[in-house]
């Protein structure tokens, strides 16, 4: 794990936790980023990811933290963009849901390719898009459940801003993000996967040593 990556993560996490709009909402919004960090640290030696994926995961985490600090309905930059782009609402949450499809699509893609789960590119892409759409649906269900349990912070956490089709549009943005990721970054991702797979399988590497311990 690069020190710079962790430093940026921690600095923005600390900033986001200083006088956020609402602490319970902040905790809910940043929890996926913190869980993600723990998983990356735990798997770094045995299954290091491509630089592209680490970068995108960090960007996604930063979006979660910014949304947690201000709430997704009140991010200042997107408030400023409302009159410029003729938006009726603060659309920072749509950026978050676009990344909710974009980043998991490449995470799933890397795991499937490196573990040779699906060898057909067409079936692999179909599975990835379905996975991302399902992930978005599960997240919407969790949002609904949390909102039901904690009605006081429901509006801030859901960020619907009075939009009747917010849930459906959130899922549509996640779907679009997954498709865009596969189309835009597939070739670059393939190059980085080949590079990291070569290093990962070299004799003496940490991953090779871990694999040999498991097989012994």
N, C-alpha and C. Protein backbone atom coordinates (compact mmCIF):
# COMPACT_ATOMS: atom_id res chain seq x y z
N UNK A 1 0.85 -1.19 0.00
CA UNK A 1 0.00 0.00 0.00
C UNK A 1 0.89 1.24 0.00
N UNK A 2 0.70 2.11 -0.95
CA UNK A 2 1.50 3.30 -1.03
C UNK A 2 1.21 4.22 0.15
N UNK A 3 2.28 4.82 0.71
CA UNK A 3 2.12 5.72 1.84
C UNK A 3 1.30 6.93 1.45
N UNK A 4 1.53 7.44 0.24
CA UNK A 4 0.78 8.62 -0.22
C UNK A 4 -0.72 8.33 -0.27
N UNK A 5 -1.09 7.12 -0.72
CA UNK A 5 -2.50 6.72 -0.80
C UNK A 5 -3.13 6.78 0.59
N UNK A 6 -2.45 6.16 1.55
CA UNK A 6 -2.98 6.12 2.92
C UNK A 6 -3.03 7.52 3.52
N UNK A 7 -2.00 8.33 3.24
CA UNK A 7 -1.96 9.69 3.78
C UNK A 7 -3.14 10.52 3.29
N UNK A 8 -3.40 10.45 1.99
CA UNK A 8 -4.54 11.20 1.43
C UNK A 8 -5.85 10.70 2.05
N UNK A 9 -5.99 9.40 2.16
CA UNK A 9 -7.20 8.82 2.75
C UNK A 9 -7.41 9.34 4.17
N UNK A 10 -6.38 9.25 4.99
CA UNK A 10 -6.52 9.64 6.40
C UNK A 10 -6.77 11.13 6.54
N UNK A 11 -6.05 11.95 5.76
CA UNK A 11 -6.24 13.41 5.85
C UNK A 11 -7.68 13.80 5.52
N UNK A 12 -8.21 13.25 4.44
CA UNK A 12 -9.58 13.60 4.05
C UNK A 12 -10.58 12.99 5.04
N UNK A 13 -10.31 11.81 5.56
CA UNK A 13 -11.20 11.21 6.55
C UNK A 13 -11.28 12.07 7.80
N UNK A 14 -10.11 12.53 8.29
CA UNK A 14 -10.10 13.39 9.47
C UNK A 14 -10.84 14.69 9.19
N UNK A 15 -10.57 15.29 8.03
CA UNK A 15 -11.28 16.53 7.66
C UNK A 15 -12.78 16.32 7.64
N UNK A 16 -13.21 15.20 7.04
CA UNK A 16 -14.65 14.97 6.91
C UNK A 16 -15.32 14.78 8.26
N UNK A 17 -14.55 14.32 9.26
CA UNK A 17 -15.12 14.09 10.58
C UNK A 17 -15.10 15.30 11.48
N UNK A 18 -14.55 16.42 11.00
CA UNK A 18 -14.52 17.64 11.80
C UNK A 18 -15.78 18.46 11.52
N UNK A 19 -16.66 18.52 12.51
CA UNK A 19 -17.91 19.28 12.40
C UNK A 19 -18.70 18.97 11.13
N UNK A 20 -19.00 17.71 10.89
CA UNK A 20 -19.84 17.40 9.72
C UNK A 20 -21.26 17.91 9.95
N UNK A 21 -22.04 17.86 8.90
CA UNK A 21 -23.43 18.31 8.99
C UNK A 21 -24.19 17.52 10.04
N UNK A 22 -23.94 16.22 10.09
CA UNK A 22 -24.65 15.35 11.02
C UNK A 22 -23.77 14.13 11.28
N UNK A 23 -23.40 13.89 12.54
CA UNK A 23 -22.46 12.80 12.83
C UNK A 23 -23.00 11.40 12.51
N UNK A 24 -24.24 11.08 12.84
CA UNK A 24 -24.74 9.75 12.45
C UNK A 24 -24.72 9.53 10.93
N UNK A 25 -25.12 10.56 10.18
CA UNK A 25 -25.08 10.45 8.71
C UNK A 25 -23.64 10.32 8.23
N UNK A 26 -22.75 11.07 8.82
CA UNK A 26 -21.33 10.99 8.46
C UNK A 26 -20.81 9.57 8.68
N UNK A 27 -21.13 8.98 9.83
CA UNK A 27 -20.65 7.63 10.13
C UNK A 27 -21.17 6.62 9.11
N UNK A 28 -22.43 6.75 8.75
CA UNK A 28 -23.01 5.83 7.77
C UNK A 28 -22.38 5.98 6.39
N UNK A 29 -22.10 7.22 6.01
CA UNK A 29 -21.57 7.47 4.67
C UNK A 29 -20.11 7.06 4.52
N UNK A 30 -19.31 7.27 5.57
CA UNK A 30 -17.88 6.97 5.45
C UNK A 30 -17.56 5.52 5.82
N UNK A 31 -18.51 4.82 6.42
CA UNK A 31 -18.26 3.43 6.83
C UNK A 31 -17.79 2.55 5.67
N UNK A 32 -18.40 2.63 4.47
CA UNK A 32 -17.90 1.79 3.38
C UNK A 32 -16.44 2.09 3.01
N UNK A 33 -16.03 3.36 3.12
CA UNK A 33 -14.64 3.71 2.81
C UNK A 33 -13.69 3.10 3.83
N UNK A 34 -14.05 3.16 5.10
CA UNK A 34 -13.19 2.61 6.16
C UNK A 34 -13.12 1.09 6.03
N UNK A 35 -14.24 0.46 5.75
CA UNK A 35 -14.25 -1.00 5.55
C UNK A 35 -13.40 -1.36 4.34
N UNK A 36 -13.51 -0.55 3.28
CA UNK A 36 -12.71 -0.80 2.09
C UNK A 36 -11.22 -0.71 2.38
N UNK A 37 -10.82 0.29 3.16
CA UNK A 37 -9.41 0.42 3.54
C UNK A 37 -8.92 -0.81 4.29
N UNK A 38 -9.72 -1.27 5.24
CA UNK A 38 -9.33 -2.46 6.01
C UNK A 38 -9.15 -3.67 5.10
N UNK A 39 -10.04 -3.82 4.13
CA UNK A 39 -9.94 -4.96 3.20
C UNK A 39 -8.70 -4.84 2.30
N UNK A 40 -8.39 -3.62 1.87
CA UNK A 40 -7.20 -3.43 1.03
C UNK A 40 -5.92 -3.74 1.80
N UNK A 41 -5.87 -3.30 3.04
CA UNK A 41 -4.69 -3.58 3.87
C UNK A 41 -4.54 -5.09 4.10
N UNK A 42 -5.67 -5.75 4.38
CA UNK A 42 -5.63 -7.18 4.68
C UNK A 42 -5.21 -8.02 3.48
N UNK A 43 -5.52 -7.55 2.27
CA UNK A 43 -5.24 -8.35 1.07
C UNK A 43 -4.05 -7.84 0.26
N UNK A 44 -3.39 -6.80 0.74
CA UNK A 44 -2.35 -6.14 -0.06
C UNK A 44 -1.21 -7.08 -0.45
N UNK A 45 -0.74 -7.88 0.49
CA UNK A 45 0.40 -8.74 0.20
C UNK A 45 0.00 -9.96 -0.62
N UNK A 46 -1.13 -10.55 -0.31
CA UNK A 46 -1.55 -11.77 -1.01
C UNK A 46 -2.17 -11.48 -2.37
N UNK A 47 -2.86 -10.32 -2.49
CA UNK A 47 -3.55 -10.03 -3.75
C UNK A 47 -3.51 -8.52 -4.03
N UNK A 48 -2.33 -7.99 -4.34
CA UNK A 48 -2.24 -6.55 -4.64
C UNK A 48 -2.99 -6.23 -5.93
N UNK A 49 -3.65 -5.09 -5.94
CA UNK A 49 -4.43 -4.69 -7.10
C UNK A 49 -3.59 -3.84 -8.05
N UNK A 50 -4.16 -3.55 -9.20
CA UNK A 50 -3.48 -2.71 -10.18
C UNK A 50 -3.48 -1.25 -9.71
N UNK A 51 -2.49 -0.46 -10.14
CA UNK A 51 -2.46 0.96 -9.77
C UNK A 51 -3.74 1.69 -10.18
N UNK A 52 -4.28 1.35 -11.34
CA UNK A 52 -5.53 1.96 -11.79
C UNK A 52 -6.64 1.75 -10.79
N UNK A 53 -6.74 0.54 -10.29
CA UNK A 53 -7.82 0.22 -9.37
C UNK A 53 -7.63 0.89 -8.02
N UNK A 54 -6.39 0.92 -7.52
CA UNK A 54 -6.14 1.62 -6.27
C UNK A 54 -6.50 3.10 -6.38
N UNK A 55 -6.17 3.71 -7.51
CA UNK A 55 -6.49 5.12 -7.71
C UNK A 55 -7.99 5.35 -7.72
N UNK A 56 -8.72 4.51 -8.44
CA UNK A 56 -10.17 4.67 -8.53
C UNK A 56 -10.85 4.41 -7.19
N UNK A 57 -10.34 3.46 -6.44
CA UNK A 57 -10.91 3.18 -5.12
C UNK A 57 -10.71 4.39 -4.21
N UNK A 58 -9.55 5.01 -4.28
CA UNK A 58 -9.30 6.20 -3.47
C UNK A 58 -10.25 7.33 -3.85
N UNK A 59 -10.44 7.55 -5.15
CA UNK A 59 -11.37 8.58 -5.60
C UNK A 59 -12.77 8.32 -5.06
N UNK A 60 -13.19 7.07 -5.13
CA UNK A 60 -14.51 6.71 -4.62
C UNK A 60 -14.61 6.96 -3.12
N UNK A 61 -13.56 6.62 -2.40
CA UNK A 61 -13.55 6.86 -0.95
C UNK A 61 -13.64 8.35 -0.64
N UNK A 62 -12.94 9.17 -1.41
CA UNK A 62 -12.97 10.62 -1.18
C UNK A 62 -14.37 11.18 -1.43
N UNK A 63 -15.05 10.66 -2.44
CA UNK A 63 -16.42 11.10 -2.71
C UNK A 63 -17.32 10.72 -1.53
N UNK A 64 -17.15 9.53 -0.98
CA UNK A 64 -17.93 9.11 0.18
C UNK A 64 -17.68 10.02 1.38
N UNK A 65 -16.44 10.41 1.58
CA UNK A 65 -16.09 11.25 2.72
C UNK A 65 -16.64 12.67 2.56
N UNK A 66 -16.55 13.21 1.35
CA UNK A 66 -17.10 14.54 1.10
C UNK A 66 -18.61 14.51 1.31
N UNK A 67 -19.26 13.47 0.77
CA UNK A 67 -20.70 13.33 0.96
C UNK A 67 -21.06 13.17 2.42
N UNK A 68 -20.22 12.48 3.18
CA UNK A 68 -20.48 12.32 4.60
C UNK A 68 -20.34 13.61 5.37
N UNK A 69 -19.40 14.44 4.96
CA UNK A 69 -19.17 15.70 5.67
C UNK A 69 -20.31 16.69 5.47
N UNK A 70 -20.71 16.87 4.22
CA UNK A 70 -21.74 17.88 3.91
C UNK A 70 -23.15 17.30 3.85
N UNK A 71 -23.29 16.00 3.71
CA UNK A 71 -24.45 15.26 3.22
C UNK A 71 -24.51 15.47 1.71
N UNK A 72 -25.01 14.47 1.03
CA UNK A 72 -24.97 14.49 -0.44
C UNK A 72 -25.84 15.59 -1.04
N UNK A 73 -26.79 16.07 -0.28
CA UNK A 73 -27.70 17.11 -0.81
C UNK A 73 -27.15 18.51 -0.65
N UNK A 74 -26.00 18.66 0.05
CA UNK A 74 -25.54 20.00 0.37
C UNK A 74 -24.05 20.23 0.09
N UNK A 75 -23.48 19.49 -0.84
CA UNK A 75 -22.08 19.71 -1.20
C UNK A 75 -21.97 21.05 -1.93
N UNK A 76 -21.17 22.00 -1.42
CA UNK A 76 -21.14 23.37 -1.95
C UNK A 76 -20.84 23.47 -3.44
N UNK A 77 -19.87 22.70 -3.95
CA UNK A 77 -19.52 22.79 -5.36
C UNK A 77 -20.72 22.47 -6.24
N UNK A 78 -21.48 21.46 -5.88
CA UNK A 78 -22.62 21.07 -6.71
C UNK A 78 -23.81 22.00 -6.50
N UNK A 79 -23.85 22.70 -5.36
CA UNK A 79 -24.84 23.78 -5.20
C UNK A 79 -24.51 24.91 -6.17
N UNK A 80 -23.21 25.21 -6.30
CA UNK A 80 -22.78 26.28 -7.21
C UNK A 80 -23.04 25.91 -8.66
N UNK A 81 -23.02 24.62 -8.97
CA UNK A 81 -23.25 24.18 -10.35
C UNK A 81 -24.72 24.18 -10.75
N UNK A 82 -25.61 24.25 -9.77
CA UNK A 82 -27.04 24.18 -10.07
C UNK A 82 -27.49 25.26 -11.06
N UNK A 83 -27.20 26.53 -10.83
CA UNK A 83 -27.64 27.54 -11.81
C UNK A 83 -26.85 27.47 -13.12
N UNK A 84 -25.59 27.06 -13.03
CA UNK A 84 -24.74 27.00 -14.23
C UNK A 84 -25.24 25.93 -15.19
N UNK A 85 -25.59 24.76 -14.66
CA UNK A 85 -26.02 23.63 -15.48
C UNK A 85 -27.53 23.44 -15.47
N UNK A 86 -28.22 24.39 -14.87
CA UNK A 86 -29.69 24.37 -14.82
C UNK A 86 -30.22 23.13 -14.11
N UNK A 87 -29.54 22.75 -13.02
CA UNK A 87 -30.00 21.64 -12.20
C UNK A 87 -31.06 22.14 -11.22
N UNK A 88 -32.02 21.30 -10.93
CA UNK A 88 -33.03 21.64 -9.94
C UNK A 88 -32.65 21.14 -8.55
N UNK A 89 -31.64 20.29 -8.47
CA UNK A 89 -31.23 19.70 -7.21
C UNK A 89 -29.71 19.59 -7.18
N UNK A 90 -29.17 19.33 -6.00
CA UNK A 90 -27.75 19.06 -5.86
C UNK A 90 -27.49 17.62 -6.30
N UNK A 91 -26.73 17.46 -7.38
CA UNK A 91 -26.56 16.13 -7.98
C UNK A 91 -25.26 15.44 -7.58
N UNK A 92 -24.68 15.81 -6.45
CA UNK A 92 -23.46 15.13 -6.00
C UNK A 92 -23.73 13.65 -5.75
N UNK A 93 -24.95 13.33 -5.30
CA UNK A 93 -25.27 11.92 -5.05
C UNK A 93 -25.23 11.10 -6.33
N UNK A 94 -25.52 11.73 -7.46
CA UNK A 94 -25.48 10.99 -8.73
C UNK A 94 -24.04 10.66 -9.11
N UNK A 95 -23.11 11.55 -8.78
CA UNK A 95 -21.70 11.23 -8.98
C UNK A 95 -21.32 10.02 -8.13
N UNK A 96 -21.78 10.01 -6.89
CA UNK A 96 -21.50 8.89 -6.01
C UNK A 96 -22.04 7.58 -6.55
N UNK A 97 -23.25 7.61 -7.09
CA UNK A 97 -23.84 6.38 -7.61
C UNK A 97 -23.23 5.97 -8.95
N UNK A 98 -22.77 6.93 -9.72
CA UNK A 98 -22.02 6.59 -10.94
C UNK A 98 -20.76 5.82 -10.58
N UNK A 99 -20.05 6.30 -9.56
CA UNK A 99 -18.84 5.60 -9.10
C UNK A 99 -19.19 4.27 -8.44
N UNK A 100 -20.38 4.17 -7.89
CA UNK A 100 -20.81 2.92 -7.25
C UNK A 100 -20.91 1.79 -8.27
N UNK A 101 -21.07 2.15 -9.53
CA UNK A 101 -21.01 1.14 -10.59
C UNK A 101 -19.66 1.08 -11.25
N UNK A 102 -19.03 2.24 -11.43
CA UNK A 102 -17.77 2.36 -12.16
C UNK A 102 -16.64 1.59 -11.45
N UNK A 103 -16.47 1.84 -10.17
CA UNK A 103 -15.34 1.24 -9.44
C UNK A 103 -15.56 -0.25 -9.15
N UNK A 104 -16.71 -0.66 -8.62
CA UNK A 104 -16.92 -2.10 -8.42
C UNK A 104 -16.83 -2.92 -9.71
N UNK A 105 -17.17 -2.31 -10.84
CA UNK A 105 -17.07 -3.04 -12.11
C UNK A 105 -15.63 -3.46 -12.37
N UNK A 106 -14.69 -2.57 -12.12
CA UNK A 106 -13.28 -2.89 -12.36
C UNK A 106 -12.72 -3.80 -11.26
N UNK A 107 -13.23 -3.65 -10.04
CA UNK A 107 -12.82 -4.58 -8.98
C UNK A 107 -13.24 -6.00 -9.36
N UNK A 108 -14.50 -6.15 -9.75
CA UNK A 108 -15.00 -7.46 -10.15
C UNK A 108 -14.24 -7.99 -11.36
N UNK A 109 -13.97 -7.10 -12.31
CA UNK A 109 -13.25 -7.50 -13.53
C UNK A 109 -11.87 -8.04 -13.20
N UNK A 110 -11.16 -7.35 -12.30
CA UNK A 110 -9.81 -7.78 -11.95
C UNK A 110 -9.81 -9.14 -11.25
N UNK A 111 -10.75 -9.33 -10.34
CA UNK A 111 -10.84 -10.59 -9.63
C UNK A 111 -11.17 -11.73 -10.59
N UNK A 112 -12.14 -11.51 -11.47
CA UNK A 112 -12.56 -12.55 -12.41
C UNK A 112 -11.45 -12.94 -13.38
N UNK A 113 -10.71 -11.93 -13.86
CA UNK A 113 -9.64 -12.22 -14.82
C UNK A 113 -8.47 -12.92 -14.14
N UNK A 114 -8.05 -12.39 -13.01
CA UNK A 114 -6.86 -12.94 -12.37
C UNK A 114 -7.09 -14.32 -11.77
N UNK A 115 -8.33 -14.62 -11.42
CA UNK A 115 -8.65 -15.96 -10.92
C UNK A 115 -9.22 -16.86 -12.01
N UNK A 116 -9.29 -16.32 -13.24
CA UNK A 116 -9.79 -17.09 -14.39
C UNK A 116 -11.15 -17.71 -14.11
N UNK A 117 -12.03 -16.92 -13.52
CA UNK A 117 -13.37 -17.40 -13.19
C UNK A 117 -14.22 -17.54 -14.45
N UNK A 118 -14.15 -16.52 -15.31
CA UNK A 118 -14.87 -16.55 -16.58
C UNK A 118 -13.90 -16.19 -17.69
N UNK A 119 -13.72 -17.08 -18.64
CA UNK A 119 -12.75 -16.83 -19.71
C UNK A 119 -13.37 -16.10 -20.89
N UNK A 120 -14.68 -16.14 -21.03
CA UNK A 120 -15.35 -15.45 -22.13
C UNK A 120 -15.53 -13.98 -21.78
N UNK A 121 -14.93 -13.05 -22.54
CA UNK A 121 -15.10 -11.62 -22.25
C UNK A 121 -16.56 -11.18 -22.24
N UNK A 122 -17.35 -11.71 -23.17
CA UNK A 122 -18.75 -11.31 -23.25
C UNK A 122 -19.52 -11.73 -22.00
N UNK A 123 -19.36 -12.98 -21.58
CA UNK A 123 -20.04 -13.44 -20.37
C UNK A 123 -19.50 -12.74 -19.13
N UNK A 124 -18.21 -12.47 -19.13
CA UNK A 124 -17.62 -11.76 -17.99
C UNK A 124 -18.21 -10.36 -17.86
N UNK A 125 -18.31 -9.64 -18.96
CA UNK A 125 -18.88 -8.30 -18.92
C UNK A 125 -20.34 -8.33 -18.51
N UNK A 126 -21.08 -9.31 -19.02
CA UNK A 126 -22.49 -9.46 -18.64
C UNK A 126 -22.61 -9.69 -17.14
N UNK A 127 -21.78 -10.57 -16.60
CA UNK A 127 -21.82 -10.85 -15.16
C UNK A 127 -21.47 -9.61 -14.36
N UNK A 128 -20.46 -8.88 -14.80
CA UNK A 128 -20.02 -7.69 -14.06
C UNK A 128 -21.13 -6.64 -14.02
N UNK A 129 -21.78 -6.39 -15.14
CA UNK A 129 -22.86 -5.41 -15.18
C UNK A 129 -24.01 -5.85 -14.27
N UNK A 130 -24.35 -7.14 -14.31
CA UNK A 130 -25.41 -7.66 -13.43
C UNK A 130 -25.01 -7.53 -11.97
N UNK A 131 -23.75 -7.82 -11.67
CA UNK A 131 -23.26 -7.71 -10.30
C UNK A 131 -23.37 -6.28 -9.79
N UNK A 132 -22.95 -5.32 -10.62
CA UNK A 132 -22.99 -3.92 -10.19
C UNK A 132 -24.41 -3.42 -10.00
N UNK A 133 -25.31 -3.85 -10.86
CA UNK A 133 -26.70 -3.46 -10.71
C UNK A 133 -27.30 -4.08 -9.45
N UNK A 134 -26.95 -5.33 -9.17
CA UNK A 134 -27.41 -5.98 -7.94
C UNK A 134 -26.84 -5.29 -6.71
N UNK A 135 -25.56 -4.92 -6.77
CA UNK A 135 -24.92 -4.22 -5.66
C UNK A 135 -25.63 -2.91 -5.38
N UNK A 136 -25.97 -2.18 -6.45
CA UNK A 136 -26.68 -0.92 -6.28
C UNK A 136 -28.05 -1.14 -5.66
N UNK A 137 -28.74 -2.19 -6.09
CA UNK A 137 -30.05 -2.50 -5.53
C UNK A 137 -29.95 -2.83 -4.04
N UNK A 138 -28.95 -3.62 -3.67
CA UNK A 138 -28.75 -3.97 -2.26
C UNK A 138 -28.47 -2.72 -1.44
N UNK A 139 -27.67 -1.81 -1.99
CA UNK A 139 -27.37 -0.57 -1.27
C UNK A 139 -28.64 0.26 -1.07
N UNK A 140 -29.50 0.31 -2.08
CA UNK A 140 -30.75 1.05 -1.95
C UNK A 140 -31.64 0.43 -0.87
N UNK A 141 -31.65 -0.90 -0.81
CA UNK A 141 -32.44 -1.57 0.23
C UNK A 141 -31.88 -1.26 1.61
N UNK A 142 -30.54 -1.26 1.73
CA UNK A 142 -29.93 -0.92 3.01
C UNK A 142 -30.23 0.52 3.41
N UNK A 143 -30.18 1.43 2.44
CA UNK A 143 -30.54 2.82 2.72
C UNK A 143 -31.96 2.92 3.26
N UNK A 144 -32.87 2.21 2.61
CA UNK A 144 -34.26 2.21 3.05
C UNK A 144 -34.39 1.67 4.47
N UNK A 145 -33.68 0.55 4.76
CA UNK A 145 -33.76 -0.06 6.08
C UNK A 145 -33.22 0.88 7.15
N UNK A 146 -32.07 1.52 6.87
CA UNK A 146 -31.48 2.45 7.84
C UNK A 146 -32.39 3.64 8.05
N UNK A 147 -32.99 4.14 6.97
CA UNK A 147 -33.89 5.27 7.08
C UNK A 147 -35.11 4.93 7.92
N UNK A 148 -35.60 3.70 7.79
CA UNK A 148 -36.75 3.27 8.58
C UNK A 148 -36.40 3.19 10.06
N UNK A 149 -35.19 2.72 10.35
CA UNK A 149 -34.76 2.58 11.74
C UNK A 149 -34.49 3.94 12.37
N UNK A 150 -33.88 4.84 11.60
CA UNK A 150 -33.51 6.16 12.11
C UNK A 150 -34.20 7.23 11.28
N UNK A 151 -35.46 7.45 11.57
CA UNK A 151 -36.27 8.37 10.76
C UNK A 151 -35.76 9.80 10.82
N UNK A 152 -35.13 10.18 11.92
CA UNK A 152 -34.68 11.56 12.09
C UNK A 152 -33.66 11.95 11.04
N UNK A 153 -32.75 11.03 10.68
CA UNK A 153 -31.71 11.36 9.71
C UNK A 153 -31.96 10.77 8.34
N UNK A 154 -33.20 10.32 8.10
CA UNK A 154 -33.50 9.63 6.86
C UNK A 154 -33.29 10.51 5.64
N UNK A 155 -33.78 11.73 5.68
CA UNK A 155 -33.68 12.60 4.51
C UNK A 155 -32.24 12.92 4.17
N UNK A 156 -31.43 13.18 5.22
CA UNK A 156 -30.02 13.52 4.98
C UNK A 156 -29.27 12.31 4.42
N UNK A 157 -29.58 11.12 4.92
CA UNK A 157 -28.88 9.92 4.48
C UNK A 157 -29.31 9.51 3.08
N UNK A 158 -30.62 9.55 2.82
CA UNK A 158 -31.11 9.15 1.51
C UNK A 158 -30.81 10.19 0.45
N UNK A 159 -30.86 11.46 0.80
CA UNK A 159 -30.53 12.52 -0.15
C UNK A 159 -31.49 12.59 -1.32
N UNK A 160 -32.75 12.26 -1.11
CA UNK A 160 -33.71 12.24 -2.22
C UNK A 160 -34.05 13.64 -2.70
N UNK A 161 -34.02 14.61 -1.81
CA UNK A 161 -34.31 16.01 -2.14
C UNK A 161 -35.67 16.16 -2.83
N UNK A 162 -36.62 15.33 -2.41
CA UNK A 162 -37.96 15.43 -2.94
C UNK A 162 -38.15 14.80 -4.31
N UNK A 163 -37.14 14.11 -4.83
CA UNK A 163 -37.21 13.52 -6.16
C UNK A 163 -37.86 12.14 -6.07
N UNK A 164 -39.02 11.97 -6.69
CA UNK A 164 -39.79 10.74 -6.55
C UNK A 164 -39.07 9.52 -7.12
N UNK A 165 -38.23 9.72 -8.15
CA UNK A 165 -37.57 8.62 -8.82
C UNK A 165 -36.09 8.52 -8.43
N UNK A 166 -35.78 8.97 -7.24
CA UNK A 166 -34.37 9.00 -6.82
C UNK A 166 -33.75 7.60 -6.77
N UNK A 167 -34.46 6.64 -6.21
CA UNK A 167 -33.93 5.27 -6.11
C UNK A 167 -33.65 4.68 -7.49
N UNK A 168 -34.61 4.83 -8.39
CA UNK A 168 -34.44 4.27 -9.72
C UNK A 168 -33.30 4.95 -10.49
N UNK A 169 -33.20 6.27 -10.35
CA UNK A 169 -32.13 6.99 -11.04
C UNK A 169 -30.77 6.65 -10.45
N UNK A 170 -30.72 6.42 -9.14
CA UNK A 170 -29.46 6.00 -8.52
C UNK A 170 -28.97 4.69 -9.14
N UNK A 171 -29.87 3.75 -9.30
CA UNK A 171 -29.50 2.46 -9.88
C UNK A 171 -29.12 2.61 -11.35
N UNK A 172 -29.81 3.51 -12.06
CA UNK A 172 -29.47 3.74 -13.46
C UNK A 172 -28.07 4.33 -13.60
N UNK A 173 -27.70 5.23 -12.68
CA UNK A 173 -26.36 5.81 -12.73
C UNK A 173 -25.31 4.75 -12.41
N UNK A 174 -25.58 3.86 -11.48
CA UNK A 174 -24.63 2.78 -11.18
C UNK A 174 -24.47 1.87 -12.39
N UNK A 175 -25.57 1.57 -13.05
CA UNK A 175 -25.52 0.75 -14.25
C UNK A 175 -24.69 1.42 -15.34
N UNK A 176 -24.93 2.73 -15.54
CA UNK A 176 -24.17 3.47 -16.54
C UNK A 176 -22.69 3.51 -16.19
N UNK A 177 -22.39 3.66 -14.89
CA UNK A 177 -20.99 3.68 -14.46
C UNK A 177 -20.28 2.37 -14.76
N UNK A 178 -20.96 1.25 -14.52
CA UNK A 178 -20.36 -0.06 -14.79
C UNK A 178 -20.05 -0.22 -16.28
N UNK A 179 -21.00 0.15 -17.13
CA UNK A 179 -20.80 0.03 -18.57
C UNK A 179 -19.68 0.94 -19.03
N UNK A 180 -19.66 2.17 -18.53
CA UNK A 180 -18.61 3.12 -18.92
C UNK A 180 -17.23 2.62 -18.53
N UNK A 181 -17.12 2.05 -17.34
CA UNK A 181 -15.83 1.55 -16.87
C UNK A 181 -15.30 0.46 -17.79
N UNK A 182 -16.16 -0.46 -18.17
CA UNK A 182 -15.75 -1.56 -19.04
C UNK A 182 -15.35 -1.08 -20.42
N UNK A 183 -16.09 -0.10 -20.94
CA UNK A 183 -15.81 0.40 -22.29
C UNK A 183 -14.57 1.29 -22.31
N UNK A 184 -14.46 2.18 -21.33
CA UNK A 184 -13.41 3.19 -21.35
C UNK A 184 -12.05 2.67 -20.88
N UNK A 185 -12.05 1.77 -19.90
CA UNK A 185 -10.79 1.41 -19.24
C UNK A 185 -10.40 -0.05 -19.41
N UNK A 186 -11.15 -0.80 -20.18
CA UNK A 186 -10.86 -2.23 -20.33
C UNK A 186 -9.45 -2.52 -20.82
N UNK A 187 -9.02 -1.83 -21.88
CA UNK A 187 -7.69 -2.10 -22.45
C UNK A 187 -6.57 -1.70 -21.49
N UNK A 188 -6.68 -0.52 -20.89
CA UNK A 188 -5.67 -0.09 -19.92
C UNK A 188 -5.62 -1.06 -18.75
N UNK A 189 -6.79 -1.48 -18.30
CA UNK A 189 -6.86 -2.43 -17.19
C UNK A 189 -6.18 -3.74 -17.55
N UNK A 190 -6.38 -4.22 -18.79
CA UNK A 190 -5.74 -5.46 -19.22
C UNK A 190 -4.22 -5.37 -19.16
N UNK A 191 -3.67 -4.24 -19.59
CA UNK A 191 -2.22 -4.05 -19.57
C UNK A 191 -1.70 -4.10 -18.14
N UNK A 192 -2.39 -3.42 -17.24
CA UNK A 192 -1.94 -3.39 -15.85
C UNK A 192 -2.12 -4.75 -15.18
N UNK A 193 -3.16 -5.47 -15.54
CA UNK A 193 -3.35 -6.81 -14.99
C UNK A 193 -2.22 -7.74 -15.42
N UNK A 194 -1.82 -7.65 -16.70
CA UNK A 194 -0.70 -8.49 -17.17
C UNK A 194 0.58 -8.15 -16.41
N UNK A 195 0.82 -6.87 -16.20
CA UNK A 195 2.03 -6.46 -15.49
C UNK A 195 2.05 -6.95 -14.05
N UNK A 196 0.94 -6.76 -13.37
CA UNK A 196 0.93 -7.13 -11.96
C UNK A 196 0.88 -8.65 -11.78
N UNK A 197 0.28 -9.36 -12.73
CA UNK A 197 0.26 -10.82 -12.65
C UNK A 197 1.66 -11.37 -12.81
N UNK A 198 2.45 -10.77 -13.69
CA UNK A 198 3.84 -11.20 -13.88
C UNK A 198 4.64 -11.01 -12.60
N UNK A 199 4.50 -9.83 -11.99
CA UNK A 199 5.22 -9.57 -10.73
C UNK A 199 4.70 -10.45 -9.60
N UNK A 200 3.39 -10.64 -9.59
CA UNK A 200 2.73 -11.39 -8.52
C UNK A 200 3.19 -12.84 -8.49
N UNK A 201 3.51 -13.41 -9.66
CA UNK A 201 3.88 -14.82 -9.76
C UNK A 201 5.38 -15.06 -9.77
N UNK A 202 6.16 -14.01 -9.62
CA UNK A 202 7.61 -14.18 -9.61
C UNK A 202 8.06 -14.93 -8.37
N UNK A 203 9.05 -15.83 -8.51
CA UNK A 203 9.58 -16.52 -7.33
C UNK A 203 10.12 -15.52 -6.32
N UNK A 204 9.81 -15.75 -5.06
CA UNK A 204 10.30 -14.87 -4.01
C UNK A 204 9.35 -13.74 -3.66
N UNK A 205 8.28 -13.56 -4.45
CA UNK A 205 7.33 -12.50 -4.13
C UNK A 205 6.51 -12.90 -2.92
N UNK A 206 5.93 -11.92 -2.23
CA UNK A 206 5.13 -12.20 -1.04
C UNK A 206 3.93 -13.06 -1.38
N UNK A 207 3.32 -12.80 -2.53
CA UNK A 207 2.15 -13.57 -2.93
C UNK A 207 2.52 -15.02 -3.20
N UNK A 208 3.64 -15.23 -3.87
CA UNK A 208 4.09 -16.59 -4.16
C UNK A 208 4.40 -17.34 -2.87
N UNK A 209 5.04 -16.66 -1.93
CA UNK A 209 5.35 -17.29 -0.65
C UNK A 209 4.08 -17.67 0.10
N UNK A 210 3.09 -16.78 0.07
CA UNK A 210 1.82 -17.07 0.75
C UNK A 210 1.12 -18.25 0.10
N UNK A 211 1.15 -18.31 -1.22
CA UNK A 211 0.52 -19.41 -1.94
C UNK A 211 1.21 -20.73 -1.63
N UNK A 212 2.55 -20.71 -1.55
CA UNK A 212 3.30 -21.92 -1.25
C UNK A 212 3.02 -22.41 0.16
N UNK A 213 2.82 -21.47 1.11
CA UNK A 213 2.48 -21.87 2.47
C UNK A 213 1.12 -22.53 2.52
N UNK A 214 0.15 -22.01 1.75
CA UNK A 214 -1.17 -22.60 1.74
C UNK A 214 -1.17 -24.00 1.12
N UNK A 215 -0.32 -24.19 0.12
CA UNK A 215 -0.29 -25.48 -0.58
C UNK A 215 0.55 -26.53 0.14
N UNK A 216 1.38 -26.09 1.07
CA UNK A 216 2.26 -27.04 1.76
C UNK A 216 1.52 -27.75 2.91
